PDB file of N, CA and C in Angstrom:
ATOM      1  N   MET A   1       9.283   3.067  15.066  1.00  0.00           N
ATOM      2  CA  MET A   1      10.515   2.314  15.039  1.00  0.00           C
ATOM      3  C   MET A   1      10.299   0.956  15.704  1.00  0.00           C
ATOM      4  N   GLN A   2      10.782  -0.095  15.062  1.00  0.00           N
ATOM      5  CA  GLN A   2      10.609  -1.431  15.597  1.00  0.00           C
ATOM      6  C   GLN A   2      11.797  -1.823  16.459  1.00  0.00           C
ATOM      7  N   ASN A   3      11.515  -2.692  17.449  1.00  0.00           N
ATOM      8  CA  ASN A   3      12.577  -3.196  18.304  1.00  0.00           C
ATOM      9  C   ASN A   3      12.999  -4.582  17.828  1.00  0.00           C
ATOM     10  N   LYS A   4      13.767  -5.303  18.650  1.00  0.00           N
ATOM     11  CA  LYS A   4      14.313  -6.587  18.206  1.00  0.00           C
ATOM     12  C   LYS A   4      13.245  -7.658  17.991  1.00  0.00           C
ATOM     13  N   ILE A   5      12.057  -7.493  18.556  1.00  0.00           N
ATOM     14  CA  ILE A   5      10.992  -8.470  18.309  1.00  0.00           C
ATOM     15  C   ILE A   5      10.077  -8.028  17.165  1.00  0.00           C
ATOM     16  N   GLY A   6      10.431  -6.944  16.515  1.00  0.00           N
ATOM     17  CA  GLY A   6       9.699  -6.505  15.335  1.00  0.00           C
ATOM     18  C   GLY A   6       8.428  -5.726  15.611  1.00  0.00           C
ATOM     19  N   LEU A   7       8.279  -5.212  16.821  1.00  0.00           N
ATOM     20  CA  LEU A   7       7.081  -4.447  17.170  1.00  0.00           C
ATOM     21  C   LEU A   7       7.443  -3.001  17.485  1.00  0.00           C
ATOM     22  N   THR A   8       6.522  -2.121  17.186  1.00  0.00           N
ATOM     23  CA  THR A   8       6.706  -0.717  17.545  1.00  0.00           C
ATOM     24  C   THR A   8       6.312  -0.526  19.006  1.00  0.00           C
ATOM     25  N   ASP A   9       6.743   0.585  19.575  1.00  0.00           N
ATOM     26  CA  ASP A   9       6.358   0.903  20.951  1.00  0.00           C
ATOM     27  C   ASP A   9       4.838   1.014  21.074  1.00  0.00           C
ATOM     28  N   ASN A  10       4.191   1.591  20.053  1.00  0.00           N
ATOM     29  CA  ASN A  10       2.725   1.705  20.071  1.00  0.00           C
ATOM     30  C   ASN A  10       2.059   0.339  20.103  1.00  0.00           C
ATOM     31  N   GLN A  11       2.589  -0.605  19.332  1.00  0.00           N
ATOM     32  CA  GLN A  11       2.022  -1.952  19.326  1.00  0.00           C
ATOM     33  C   GLN A  11       2.186  -2.616  20.689  1.00  0.00           C
ATOM     34  N   ILE A  12       3.366  -2.493  21.271  1.00  0.00           N
ATOM     35  CA  ILE A  12       3.617  -3.099  22.587  1.00  0.00           C
ATOM     36  C   ILE A  12       2.700  -2.495  23.639  1.00  0.00           C
ATOM     37  N   THR A  13       2.602  -1.182  23.656  1.00  0.00           N
ATOM     38  CA  THR A  13       1.729  -0.510  24.621  1.00  0.00           C
ATOM     39  C   THR A  13       0.289  -0.952  24.437  1.00  0.00           C
ATOM     40  N   PHE A  14      -0.145  -1.054  23.189  1.00  0.00           N
ATOM     41  CA  PHE A  14      -1.527  -1.441  22.929  1.00  0.00           C
ATOM     42  C   PHE A  14      -1.786  -2.901  23.311  1.00  0.00           C
ATOM     43  N   ILE A  15      -0.847  -3.771  23.057  1.00  0.00           N
ATOM     44  CA  ILE A  15      -1.012  -5.176  23.439  1.00  0.00           C
ATOM     45  C   ILE A  15      -1.177  -5.293  24.953  1.00  0.00           C
ATOM     46  N   LYS A  16      -0.394  -4.537  25.690  1.00  0.00           N
ATOM     47  CA  LYS A  16      -0.521  -4.539  27.157  1.00  0.00           C
ATOM     48  C   LYS A  16      -1.887  -3.993  27.577  1.00  0.00           C
ATOM     49  N   LYS A  17      -2.354  -2.988  26.877  1.00  0.00           N
ATOM     50  CA  LYS A  17      -3.669  -2.416  27.165  1.00  0.00           C
ATOM     51  C   LYS A  17      -4.770  -3.442  26.889  1.00  0.00           C
ATOM     52  N   LEU A  18      -4.609  -4.195  25.792  1.00  0.00           N
ATOM     53  CA  LEU A  18      -5.590  -5.245  25.480  1.00  0.00           C
ATOM     54  C   LEU A  18      -5.616  -6.305  26.579  1.00  0.00           C
ATOM     55  N   GLU A  19      -4.471  -6.634  27.114  1.00  0.00           N
ATOM     56  CA  GLU A  19      -4.415  -7.598  28.224  1.00  0.00           C
ATOM     57  C   GLU A  19      -5.205  -7.077  29.419  1.00  0.00           C
ATOM     58  N   ASN A  20      -5.089  -5.793  29.704  1.00  0.00           N
ATOM     59  CA  ASN A  20      -5.865  -5.187  30.800  1.00  0.00           C
ATOM     60  C   ASN A  20      -7.361  -5.229  30.500  1.00  0.00           C
ATOM     61  N   TYR A  21      -7.723  -4.988  29.236  1.00  0.00           N
ATOM     62  CA  TYR A  21      -9.132  -5.056  28.868  1.00  0.00           C
ATOM     63  C   TYR A  21      -9.676  -6.476  29.047  1.00  0.00           C
ATOM     64  N   LYS A  22      -8.863  -7.470  28.733  1.00  0.00           N
ATOM     65  CA  LYS A  22      -9.302  -8.854  28.956  1.00  0.00           C
ATOM     66  C   LYS A  22      -9.604  -9.084  30.437  1.00  0.00           C
ATOM     67  N   SER A  23      -8.735  -8.592  31.297  1.00  0.00           N
ATOM     68  CA  SER A  23      -8.963  -8.714  32.744  1.00  0.00           C
ATOM     69  C   SER A  23     -10.230  -7.988  33.166  1.00  0.00           C
ATOM     70  N   ASP A  24     -10.442  -6.816  32.598  1.00  0.00           N
ATOM     71  CA  ASP A  24     -11.650  -6.049  32.918  1.00  0.00           C
ATOM     72  C   ASP A  24     -12.908  -6.834  32.542  1.00  0.00           C
ATOM     73  N   VAL A  25     -12.872  -7.512  31.391  1.00  0.00           N
ATOM     74  CA  VAL A  25     -14.023  -8.314  30.967  1.00  0.00           C
ATOM     75  C   VAL A  25     -14.263  -9.437  31.966  1.00  0.00           C
ATOM     76  N   TRP A  26     -13.216 -10.154  32.338  1.00  0.00           N
ATOM     77  CA  TRP A  26     -13.381 -11.264  33.285  1.00  0.00           C
ATOM     78  C   TRP A  26     -13.889 -10.784  34.638  1.00  0.00           C
ATOM     79  N   ASN A  27     -13.539  -9.550  35.019  1.00  0.00           N
ATOM     80  CA  ASN A  27     -13.890  -9.057  36.352  1.00  0.00           C
ATOM     81  C   ASN A  27     -15.257  -8.393  36.446  1.00  0.00           C
ATOM     82  N   THR A  28     -15.972  -8.283  35.350  1.00  0.00           N
ATOM     83  CA  THR A  28     -17.292  -7.659  35.405  1.00  0.00           C
ATOM     84  C   THR A  28     -18.388  -8.723  35.333  1.00  0.00           C
ATOM     85  N   SER A  29     -19.541  -8.365  35.811  1.00  0.00           N
ATOM     86  CA  SER A  29     -20.704  -9.255  35.717  1.00  0.00           C
ATOM     87  C   SER A  29     -21.848  -8.558  35.002  1.00  0.00           C
ATOM     88  N   ASP A  30     -21.499  -7.554  34.212  1.00  0.00           N
ATOM     89  CA  ASP A  30     -22.509  -6.726  33.569  1.00  0.00           C
ATOM     90  C   ASP A  30     -22.307  -6.736  32.055  1.00  0.00           C
ATOM     91  N   THR A  31     -23.310  -7.170  31.340  1.00  0.00           N
ATOM     92  CA  THR A  31     -23.231  -7.242  29.881  1.00  0.00           C
ATOM     93  C   THR A  31     -22.954  -5.874  29.267  1.00  0.00           C
ATOM     94  N   THR A  32     -23.573  -4.840  29.792  1.00  0.00           N
ATOM     95  CA  THR A  32     -23.361  -3.491  29.269  1.00  0.00           C
ATOM     96  C   THR A  32     -21.901  -3.080  29.404  1.00  0.00           C
ATOM     97  N   GLU A  33     -21.289  -3.425  30.516  1.00  0.00           N
ATOM     98  CA  GLU A  33     -19.875  -3.098  30.723  1.00  0.00           C
ATOM     99  C   GLU A  33     -18.988  -3.887  29.751  1.00  0.00           C
ATOM    100  N   ILE A  34     -19.335  -5.141  29.498  1.00  0.00           N
ATOM    101  CA  ILE A  34     -18.579  -5.940  28.530  1.00  0.00           C
ATOM    102  C   ILE A  34     -18.671  -5.289  27.145  1.00  0.00           C
ATOM    103  N   ILE A  35     -19.860  -4.851  26.779  1.00  0.00           N
ATOM    104  CA  ILE A  35     -20.048  -4.175  25.488  1.00  0.00           C
ATOM    105  C   ILE A  35     -19.206  -2.906  25.426  1.00  0.00           C
ATOM    106  N   ASN A  36     -19.214  -2.123  26.509  1.00  0.00           N
ATOM    107  CA  ASN A  36     -18.432  -0.881  26.545  1.00  0.00           C
ATOM    108  C   ASN A  36     -16.934  -1.159  26.381  1.00  0.00           C
ATOM    109  N   ILE A  37     -16.439  -2.185  27.057  1.00  0.00           N
ATOM    110  CA  ILE A  37     -15.025  -2.544  26.939  1.00  0.00           C
ATOM    111  C   ILE A  37     -14.721  -2.958  25.502  1.00  0.00           C
ATOM    112  N   ALA A  38     -15.571  -3.795  24.937  1.00  0.00           N
ATOM    113  CA  ALA A  38     -15.361  -4.270  23.567  1.00  0.00           C
ATOM    114  C   ALA A  38     -15.373  -3.108  22.573  1.00  0.00           C
ATOM    115  N   GLN A  39     -16.259  -2.140  22.794  1.00  0.00           N
ATOM    116  CA  GLN A  39     -16.309  -0.977  21.908  1.00  0.00           C
ATOM    117  C   GLN A  39     -15.060  -0.106  22.044  1.00  0.00           C
ATOM    118  N   LYS A  40     -14.502  -0.021  23.267  1.00  0.00           N
ATOM    119  CA  LYS A  40     -13.240   0.700  23.455  1.00  0.00           C
ATOM    120  C   LYS A  40     -12.132   0.024  22.658  1.00  0.00           C
ATOM    121  N   VAL A  41     -12.076  -1.299  22.764  1.00  0.00           N
ATOM    122  CA  VAL A  41     -11.060  -2.053  22.028  1.00  0.00           C
ATOM    123  C   VAL A  41     -11.209  -1.799  20.536  1.00  0.00           C
ATOM    124  N   LEU A  42     -12.426  -1.871  20.050  1.00  0.00           N
ATOM    125  CA  LEU A  42     -12.704  -1.651  18.634  1.00  0.00           C
ATOM    126  C   LEU A  42     -12.247  -0.264  18.203  1.00  0.00           C
ATOM    127  N   SER A  43     -12.599   0.732  18.969  1.00  0.00           N
ATOM    128  CA  SER A  43     -12.252   2.112  18.648  1.00  0.00           C
ATOM    129  C   SER A  43     -10.738   2.347  18.692  1.00  0.00           C
ATOM    130  N   GLU A  44     -10.103   1.900  19.750  1.00  0.00           N
ATOM    131  CA  GLU A  44      -8.672   2.140  19.919  1.00  0.00           C
ATOM    132  C   GLU A  44      -7.829   1.341  18.922  1.00  0.00           C
ATOM    133  N   SER A  45      -8.349   0.231  18.449  1.00  0.00           N
ATOM    134  CA  SER A  45      -7.622  -0.597  17.481  1.00  0.00           C
ATOM    135  C   SER A  45      -7.473   0.082  16.130  1.00  0.00           C
ATOM    136  N   GLN A  46      -8.362   0.997  15.829  1.00  0.00           N
ATOM    137  CA  GLN A  46      -8.361   1.644  14.525  1.00  0.00           C
ATOM    138  C   GLN A  46      -7.054   2.372  14.234  1.00  0.00           C
ATOM    139  N   ASN A  47      -6.406   2.899  15.270  1.00  0.00           N
ATOM    140  CA  ASN A  47      -5.217   3.730  15.079  1.00  0.00           C
ATOM    141  C   ASN A  47      -3.903   2.986  15.248  1.00  0.00           C
ATOM    142  N   ILE A  48      -3.954   1.684  15.464  1.00  0.00           N
ATOM    143  CA  ILE A  48      -2.734   0.907  15.670  1.00  0.00           C
ATOM    144  C   ILE A  48      -2.465   0.052  14.437  1.00  0.00           C
ATOM    145  N   GLU A  49      -1.239   0.106  13.965  1.00  0.00           N
ATOM    146  CA  GLU A  49      -0.859  -0.671  12.792  1.00  0.00           C
ATOM    147  C   GLU A  49      -0.640  -2.133  13.198  1.00  0.00           C
ATOM    148  N   PRO A  50      -1.195  -3.066  12.422  1.00  0.00           N
ATOM    149  CA  PRO A  50      -0.976  -4.481  12.748  1.00  0.00           C
ATOM    150  C   PRO A  50       0.472  -4.891  12.465  1.00  0.00           C
ATOM    151  N   ALA A  51       0.831  -6.070  12.939  1.00  0.00           N
ATOM    152  CA  ALA A  51       2.187  -6.584  12.730  1.00  0.00           C
ATOM    153  C   ALA A  51       2.408  -6.922  11.261  1.00  0.00           C
ATOM    154  N   LYS A  52       3.666  -7.107  10.925  1.00  0.00           N
ATOM    155  CA  LYS A  52       4.015  -7.532   9.573  1.00  0.00           C
ATOM    156  C   LYS A  52       3.972  -9.054   9.509  1.00  0.00           C
ATOM    157  N   ILE A  53       3.579  -9.559   8.351  1.00  0.00           N
ATOM    158  CA  ILE A  53       3.606 -10.998   8.118  1.00  0.00           C
ATOM    159  C   ILE A  53       4.523 -11.283   6.947  1.00  0.00           C
ATOM    160  N   LYS A  54       5.112 -12.444   6.973  1.00  0.00           N
ATOM    161  CA  LYS A  54       5.977 -12.867   5.879  1.00  0.00           C
ATOM    162  C   LYS A  54       5.121 -13.642   4.891  1.00  0.00           C
ATOM    163  N   ILE A  55       5.179 -13.241   3.637  1.00  0.00           N
ATOM    164  CA  ILE A  55       4.388 -13.923   2.614  1.00  0.00           C
ATOM    165  C   ILE A  55       5.258 -14.942   1.874  1.00  0.00           C
ATOM    166  N   ALA A  56       4.640 -15.712   0.996  1.00  0.00           N
ATOM    167  CA  ALA A  56       5.288 -16.862   0.359  1.00  0.00           C
ATOM    168  C   ALA A  56       6.609 -16.531  -0.337  1.00  0.00           C
ATOM    169  N   ASN A  57       6.723 -15.363  -0.915  1.00  0.00           N
ATOM    170  CA  ASN A  57       7.964 -15.033  -1.638  1.00  0.00           C
ATOM    171  C   ASN A  57       9.062 -14.494  -0.712  1.00  0.00           C
ATOM    172  N   GLY A  58       8.799 -14.505   0.600  1.00  0.00           N
ATOM    173  CA  GLY A  58       9.806 -14.087   1.572  1.00  0.00           C
ATOM    174  C   GLY A  58       9.760 -12.630   1.967  1.00  0.00           C
ATOM    175  N   THR A  59       8.946 -11.844   1.293  1.00  0.00           N
ATOM    176  CA  THR A  59       8.827 -10.436   1.664  1.00  0.00           C
ATOM    177  C   THR A  59       7.848 -10.285   2.821  1.00  0.00           C
ATOM    178  N   GLU A  60       7.876  -9.139   3.444  1.00  0.00           N
ATOM    179  CA  GLU A  60       6.960  -8.856   4.543  1.00  0.00           C
ATOM    180  C   GLU A  60       5.993  -7.758   4.139  1.00  0.00           C
ATOM    181  N   ARG A  61       4.799  -7.868   4.691  1.00  0.00           N
ATOM    182  CA  ARG A  61       3.825  -6.801   4.494  1.00  0.00           C
ATOM    183  C   ARG A  61       2.983  -6.674   5.755  1.00  0.00           C
ATOM    184  N   ILE A  62       2.428  -5.507   5.947  1.00  0.00           N
ATOM    185  CA  ILE A  62       1.578  -5.250   7.114  1.00  0.00           C
ATOM    186  C   ILE A  62       0.266  -5.992   6.925  1.00  0.00           C
ATOM    187  N   ASP A  63      -0.183  -6.659   7.978  1.00  0.00           N
ATOM    188  CA  ASP A  63      -1.350  -7.536   7.901  1.00  0.00           C
ATOM    189  C   ASP A  63      -2.663  -6.771   8.104  1.00  0.00           C
ATOM    190  N   HIS A  64      -2.985  -5.891   7.160  1.00  0.00           N
ATOM    191  CA  HIS A  64      -4.228  -5.128   7.261  1.00  0.00           C
ATOM    192  C   HIS A  64      -5.459  -6.028   7.134  1.00  0.00           C
ATOM    193  N   LYS A  65      -5.389  -7.037   6.273  1.00  0.00           N
ATOM    194  CA  LYS A  65      -6.531  -7.946   6.102  1.00  0.00           C
ATOM    195  C   LYS A  65      -6.803  -8.734   7.374  1.00  0.00           C
ATOM    196  N   GLY A  66      -5.740  -9.187   8.026  1.00  0.00           N
ATOM    197  CA  GLY A  66      -5.912  -9.912   9.287  1.00  0.00           C
ATOM    198  C   GLY A  66      -6.559  -9.038  10.349  1.00  0.00           C
ATOM    199  N   LYS A  67      -6.112  -7.797  10.416  1.00  0.00           N
ATOM    200  CA  LYS A  67      -6.689  -6.851  11.377  1.00  0.00           C
ATOM    201  C   LYS A  67      -8.163  -6.632  11.079  1.00  0.00           C
ATOM    202  N   GLN A  68      -8.510  -6.422   9.808  1.00  0.00           N
ATOM    203  CA  GLN A  68      -9.909  -6.217   9.437  1.00  0.00           C
ATOM    204  C   GLN A  68     -10.766  -7.425   9.819  1.00  0.00           C
ATOM    205  N   LEU A  69     -10.229  -8.623   9.606  1.00  0.00           N
ATOM    206  CA  LEU A  69     -10.955  -9.842   9.942  1.00  0.00           C
ATOM    207  C   LEU A  69     -11.200  -9.945  11.444  1.00  0.00           C
ATOM    208  N   MET A  70     -10.184  -9.672  12.237  1.00  0.00           N
ATOM    209  CA  MET A  70     -10.329  -9.755  13.695  1.00  0.00           C
ATOM    210  C   MET A  70     -11.275  -8.676  14.220  1.00  0.00           C
ATOM    211  N   LEU A  71     -11.206  -7.483  13.650  1.00  0.00           N
ATOM    212  CA  LEU A  71     -12.121  -6.414  14.073  1.00  0.00           C
ATOM    213  C   LEU A  71     -13.557  -6.760  13.707  1.00  0.00           C
ATOM    214  N   LYS A  72     -13.758  -7.382  12.551  1.00  0.00           N
ATOM    215  CA  LYS A  72     -15.100  -7.793  12.151  1.00  0.00           C
ATOM    216  C   LYS A  72     -15.639  -8.849  13.116  1.00  0.00           C
ATOM    217  N   GLY A  73     -14.773  -9.762  13.536  1.00  0.00           N
ATOM    218  CA  GLY A  73     -15.185 -10.764  14.530  1.00  0.00           C
ATOM    219  C   GLY A  73     -15.613 -10.107  15.833  1.00  0.00           C
ATOM    220  N   LEU A  74     -14.850  -9.105  16.280  1.00  0.00           N
ATOM    221  CA  LEU A  74     -15.204  -8.382  17.498  1.00  0.00           C
ATOM    222  C   LEU A  74     -16.519  -7.633  17.315  1.00  0.00           C
ATOM    223  N   GLU A  75     -16.698  -6.998  16.166  1.00  0.00           N
ATOM    224  CA  GLU A  75     -17.962  -6.305  15.883  1.00  0.00           C
ATOM    225  C   GLU A  75     -19.138  -7.287  15.954  1.00  0.00           C
ATOM    226  N   ASN A  76     -18.950  -8.475  15.400  1.00  0.00           N
ATOM    227  CA  ASN A  76     -20.021  -9.487  15.431  1.00  0.00           C
ATOM    228  C   ASN A  76     -20.319  -9.938  16.853  1.00  0.00           C
ATOM    229  N   ASP A  77     -19.281 -10.067  17.675  1.00  0.00           N
ATOM    230  CA  ASP A  77     -19.495 -10.435  19.071  1.00  0.00           C
ATOM    231  C   ASP A  77     -20.248  -9.338  19.826  1.00  0.00           C
ATOM    232  N   ILE A  78     -19.914  -8.093  19.550  1.00  0.00           N
ATOM    233  CA  ILE A  78     -20.630  -6.977  20.182  1.00  0.00           C
ATOM    234  C   ILE A  78     -22.104  -7.018  19.783  1.00  0.00           C
ATOM    235  N   LEU A  79     -22.360  -7.233  18.519  1.00  0.00           N
ATOM    236  CA  LEU A  79     -23.740  -7.326  18.034  1.00  0.00           C
ATOM    237  C   LEU A  79     -24.480  -8.477  18.711  1.00  0.00           C
ATOM    238  N   ALA A  80     -23.815  -9.613  18.842  1.00  0.00           N
ATOM    239  CA  ALA A  80     -24.437 -10.756  19.511  1.00  0.00           C
ATOM    240  C   ALA A  80     -24.748 -10.434  20.973  1.00  0.00           C
ATOM    241  N   LEU A  81     -23.858  -9.706  21.632  1.00  0.00           N
ATOM    242  CA  LEU A  81     -24.116  -9.300  23.021  1.00  0.00           C
ATOM    243  C   LEU A  81     -25.342  -8.391  23.101  1.00  0.00           C
ATOM    244  N   LYS A  82     -25.403  -7.436  22.202  1.00  0.00           N
ATOM    245  CA  LYS A  82     -26.537  -6.503  22.197  1.00  0.00           C
ATOM    246  C   LYS A  82     -27.853  -7.215  21.926  1.00  0.00           C
ATOM    247  N   ASN A  83     -27.795  -8.286  21.126  1.00  0.00           N
ATOM    248  CA  ASN A  83     -29.006  -9.028  20.767  1.00  0.00           C
ATOM    249  C   ASN A  83     -29.260 -10.227  21.673  1.00  0.00           C
ATOM    250  N   LYS A  84     -28.554 -10.271  22.804  1.00  0.00           N
ATOM    251  CA  LYS A  84     -28.710 -11.372  23.770  1.00  0.00           C
ATOM    252  C   LYS A  84     -28.446 -12.729  23.111  1.00  0.00           C
ATOM    253  N   GLY A  85     -27.396 -12.784  22.298  1.00  0.00           N
ATOM    254  CA  GLY A  85     -27.081 -13.990  21.541  1.00  0.00           C
ATOM    255  C   GLY A  85     -26.343 -15.063  22.316  1.00  0.00           C
ATOM    256  N   TYR A  86     -25.941 -14.769  23.533  1.00  0.00           N
ATOM    257  CA  TYR A  86     -25.240 -15.753  24.354  1.00  0.00           C
ATOM    258  C   TYR A  86     -26.127 -16.174  25.516  1.00  0.00           C
ATOM    259  N   SER A  87     -25.984 -17.426  25.923  1.00  0.00           N
ATOM    260  CA  SER A  87     -26.899 -17.990  26.925  1.00  0.00           C
ATOM    261  C   SER A  87     -26.622 -17.510  28.343  1.00  0.00           C
ATOM    262  N   ASN A  88     -25.399 -17.058  28.613  1.00  0.00           N
ATOM    263  CA  ASN A  88     -25.093 -16.596  29.970  1.00  0.00           C
ATOM    264  C   ASN A  88     -23.881 -15.662  29.949  1.00  0.00           C
ATOM    265  N   ILE A  89     -23.616 -15.038  31.083  1.00  0.00           N
ATOM    266  CA  ILE A  89     -22.536 -14.048  31.178  1.00  0.00           C
ATOM    267  C   ILE A  89     -21.172 -14.690  30.924  1.00  0.00           C
ATOM    268  N   LYS A  90     -21.001 -15.932  31.339  1.00  0.00           N
ATOM    269  CA  LYS A  90     -19.735 -16.627  31.121  1.00  0.00           C
ATOM    270  C   LYS A  90     -19.430 -16.746  29.622  1.00  0.00           C
ATOM    271  N   ASN A  91     -20.430 -17.082  28.834  1.00  0.00           N
ATOM    272  CA  ASN A  91     -20.245 -17.182  27.385  1.00  0.00           C
ATOM    273  C   ASN A  91     -19.995 -15.817  26.749  1.00  0.00           C
ATOM    274  N   GLU A  92     -20.632 -14.787  27.285  1.00  0.00           N
ATOM    275  CA  GLU A  92     -20.388 -13.428  26.791  1.00  0.00           C
ATOM    276  C   GLU A  92     -18.932 -13.043  27.023  1.00  0.00           C
ATOM    277  N   LYS A  93     -18.458 -13.297  28.228  1.00  0.00           N
ATOM    278  CA  LYS A  93     -17.072 -12.979  28.565  1.00  0.00           C
ATOM    279  C   LYS A  93     -16.114 -13.754  27.674  1.00  0.00           C
ATOM    280  N   PHE A  94     -16.374 -15.042  27.533  1.00  0.00           N
ATOM    281  CA  PHE A  94     -15.493 -15.890  26.733  1.00  0.00           C
ATOM    282  C   PHE A  94     -15.404 -15.387  25.292  1.00  0.00           C
ATOM    283  N   ALA A  95     -16.536 -14.999  24.722  1.00  0.00           N
ATOM    284  CA  ALA A  95     -16.550 -14.514  23.336  1.00  0.00           C
ATOM    285  C   ALA A  95     -15.692 -13.263  23.176  1.00  0.00           C
ATOM    286  N   ILE A  96     -15.867 -12.305  24.062  1.00  0.00           N
ATOM    287  CA  ILE A  96     -15.136 -11.047  23.934  1.00  0.00           C
ATOM    288  C   ILE A  96     -13.651 -11.236  24.247  1.00  0.00           C
ATOM    289  N   VAL A  97     -13.348 -12.004  25.286  1.00  0.00           N
ATOM    290  CA  VAL A  97     -11.936 -12.245  25.618  1.00  0.00           C
ATOM    291  C   VAL A  97     -11.239 -12.974  24.475  1.00  0.00           C
ATOM    292  N   THR A  98     -11.913 -13.919  23.852  1.00  0.00           N
ATOM    293  CA  THR A  98     -11.333 -14.628  22.718  1.00  0.00           C
ATOM    294  C   THR A  98     -11.070 -13.672  21.560  1.00  0.00           C
ATOM    295  N   SER A  99     -12.014 -12.796  21.273  1.00  0.00           N
ATOM    296  CA  SER A  99     -11.813 -11.811  20.204  1.00  0.00           C
ATOM    297  C   SER A  99     -10.647 -10.887  20.511  1.00  0.00           C
ATOM    298  N   ILE A 100     -10.530 -10.466  21.754  1.00  0.00           N
ATOM    299  CA  ILE A 100      -9.422  -9.592  22.141  1.00  0.00           C
ATOM    300  C   ILE A 100      -8.093 -10.343  21.997  1.00  0.00           C
ATOM    301  N   GLN A 101      -8.070 -11.607  22.413  1.00  0.00           N
ATOM    302  CA  GLN A 101      -6.843 -12.399  22.301  1.00  0.00           C
ATOM    303  C   GLN A 101      -6.421 -12.563  20.840  1.00  0.00           C
ATOM    304  N   LEU A 102      -7.388 -12.817  19.974  1.00  0.00           N
ATOM    305  CA  LEU A 102      -7.086 -12.937  18.546  1.00  0.00           C
ATOM    306  C   LEU A 102      -6.555 -11.613  17.992  1.00  0.00           C
ATOM    307  N   LEU A 103      -7.129 -10.533  18.446  1.00  0.00           N
ATOM    308  CA  LEU A 103      -6.671  -9.214  18.013  1.00  0.00           C
ATOM    309  C   LEU A 103      -5.238  -8.955  18.490  1.00  0.00           C
ATOM    310  N   MET A 104      -4.922  -9.407  19.695  1.00  0.00           N
ATOM    311  CA  MET A 104      -3.557  -9.267  20.206  1.00  0.00           C
ATOM    312  C   MET A 104      -2.576  -9.973  19.270  1.00  0.00           C
ATOM    313  N   GLY A 105      -2.968 -11.112  18.763  1.00  0.00           N
ATOM    314  CA  GLY A 105      -2.125 -11.840  17.825  1.00  0.00           C
ATOM    315  C   GLY A 105      -1.911 -11.078  16.538  1.00  0.00           C
ATOM    316  N   THR A 106      -2.930 -10.374  16.097  1.00  0.00           N
ATOM    317  CA  THR A 106      -2.820  -9.575  14.874  1.00  0.00           C
ATOM    318  C   THR A 106      -1.814  -8.441  15.040  1.00  0.00           C
ATOM    319  N   PHE A 107      -1.712  -7.911  16.245  1.00  0.00           N
ATOM    320  CA  PHE A 107      -0.788  -6.810  16.482  1.00  0.00           C
ATOM    321  C   PHE A 107       0.613  -7.274  16.854  1.00  0.00           C
ATOM    322  N   SER A 108       0.778  -8.563  17.152  1.00  0.00           N
ATOM    323  CA  SER A 108       2.094  -8.999  17.601  1.00  0.00           C
ATOM    324  C   SER A 108       2.720 -10.108  16.759  1.00  0.00           C
ATOM    325  N   MET A 109       1.929 -11.062  16.298  1.00  0.00           N
ATOM    326  CA  MET A 109       2.431 -12.235  15.572  1.00  0.00           C
ATOM    327  C   MET A 109       3.499 -12.967  16.379  1.00  0.00           C
ATOM    328  N   LEU A 110       3.345 -12.981  17.694  1.00  0.00           N
ATOM    329  CA  LEU A 110       4.278 -13.671  18.580  1.00  0.00           C
ATOM    330  C   LEU A 110       3.662 -14.978  19.065  1.00  0.00           C
ATOM    331  N   SER A 111       4.507 -15.900  19.475  1.00  0.00           N
ATOM    332  CA  SER A 111       4.010 -17.132  20.088  1.00  0.00           C
ATOM    333  C   SER A 111       3.362 -16.789  21.425  1.00  0.00           C
ATOM    334  N   ALA A 112       2.597 -17.704  21.960  1.00  0.00           N
ATOM    335  CA  ALA A 112       1.938 -17.473  23.248  1.00  0.00           C
ATOM    336  C   ALA A 112       2.968 -17.193  24.340  1.00  0.00           C
ATOM    337  N   ASN A 113       4.077 -17.925  24.342  1.00  0.00           N
ATOM    338  CA  ASN A 113       5.121 -17.701  25.350  1.00  0.00           C
ATOM    339  C   ASN A 113       5.749 -16.326  25.206  1.00  0.00           C
ATOM    340  N   ASP A 114       6.069 -15.950  23.979  1.00  0.00           N
ATOM    341  CA  ASP A 114       6.683 -14.637  23.750  1.00  0.00           C
ATOM    342  C   ASP A 114       5.717 -13.512  24.096  1.00  0.00           C
ATOM    343  N   LEU A 115       4.448 -13.719  23.797  1.00  0.00           N
ATOM    344  CA  LEU A 115       3.436 -12.711  24.111  1.00  0.00           C
ATOM    345  C   LEU A 115       3.312 -12.547  25.630  1.00  0.00           C
ATOM    346  N   THR A 116       3.293 -13.662  26.340  1.00  0.00           N
ATOM    347  CA  THR A 116       3.216 -13.619  27.804  1.00  0.00           C
ATOM    348  C   THR A 116       4.426 -12.880  28.375  1.00  0.00           C
ATOM    349  N   THR A 117       5.604 -13.179  27.871  1.00  0.00           N
ATOM    350  CA  THR A 117       6.819 -12.509  28.329  1.00  0.00           C
ATOM    351  C   THR A 117       6.742 -11.010  28.069  1.00  0.00           C
ATOM    352  N   LEU A 118       6.263 -10.635  26.898  1.00  0.00           N
ATOM    353  CA  LEU A 118       6.129  -9.220  26.528  1.00  0.00           C
ATOM    354  C   LEU A 118       5.189  -8.499  27.486  1.00  0.00           C
ATOM    355  N   ILE A 119       4.061  -9.115  27.795  1.00  0.00           N
ATOM    356  CA  ILE A 119       3.057  -8.498  28.655  1.00  0.00           C
ATOM    357  C   ILE A 119       3.578  -8.317  30.071  1.00  0.00           C
ATOM    358  N   GLN A 120       4.379  -9.264  30.531  1.00  0.00           N
ATOM    359  CA  GLN A 120       4.883  -9.214  31.902  1.00  0.00           C
ATOM    360  C   GLN A 120       6.017  -8.224  32.105  1.00  0.00           C
ATOM    361  N   LYS A 121       6.589  -7.698  31.027  1.00  0.00           N
ATOM    362  CA  LYS A 121       7.684  -6.725  31.149  1.00  0.00           C
ATOM    363  C   LYS A 121       7.155  -5.387  31.582  1.00  0.00           C
TER     364      LYS A 121
END
C-alpha cells in the first residue's frame, strides 16, 4: 500500500537502510568490507519494487528498467573493487556510495530535499 508520497512501507524502510549502508561505507577503511556492503545492497535490492514513473502519455509504470540499470552499475563497481580498479580507498567509497545514492532514487523518485526529509523521519 502506498502512502501520500507514493511509496510503500517496504520502499521507505529500504531507502532508510540504504542510507545506513552509505554511512557504513564511509566509516570503513577496508575494501573487503566495502565489497561486502555493496553485495548486501545488491542482494537486498532484488526483493524491493522500484518506484513508479510517469511516462509521456501520463500513465504510470513501475521503473524496472531503471532498477536494472542502477543494479548493473553497482555490479560493475563491485567488479572494479575486486579488480583493484580504483586508485585509493576514497575513490572506492565514492563509487559505491554514488551507486547506492542512485539506487535510492530508483526506489523513491523523490527530490533530494524530500528524500532527506523521508530519511530523517
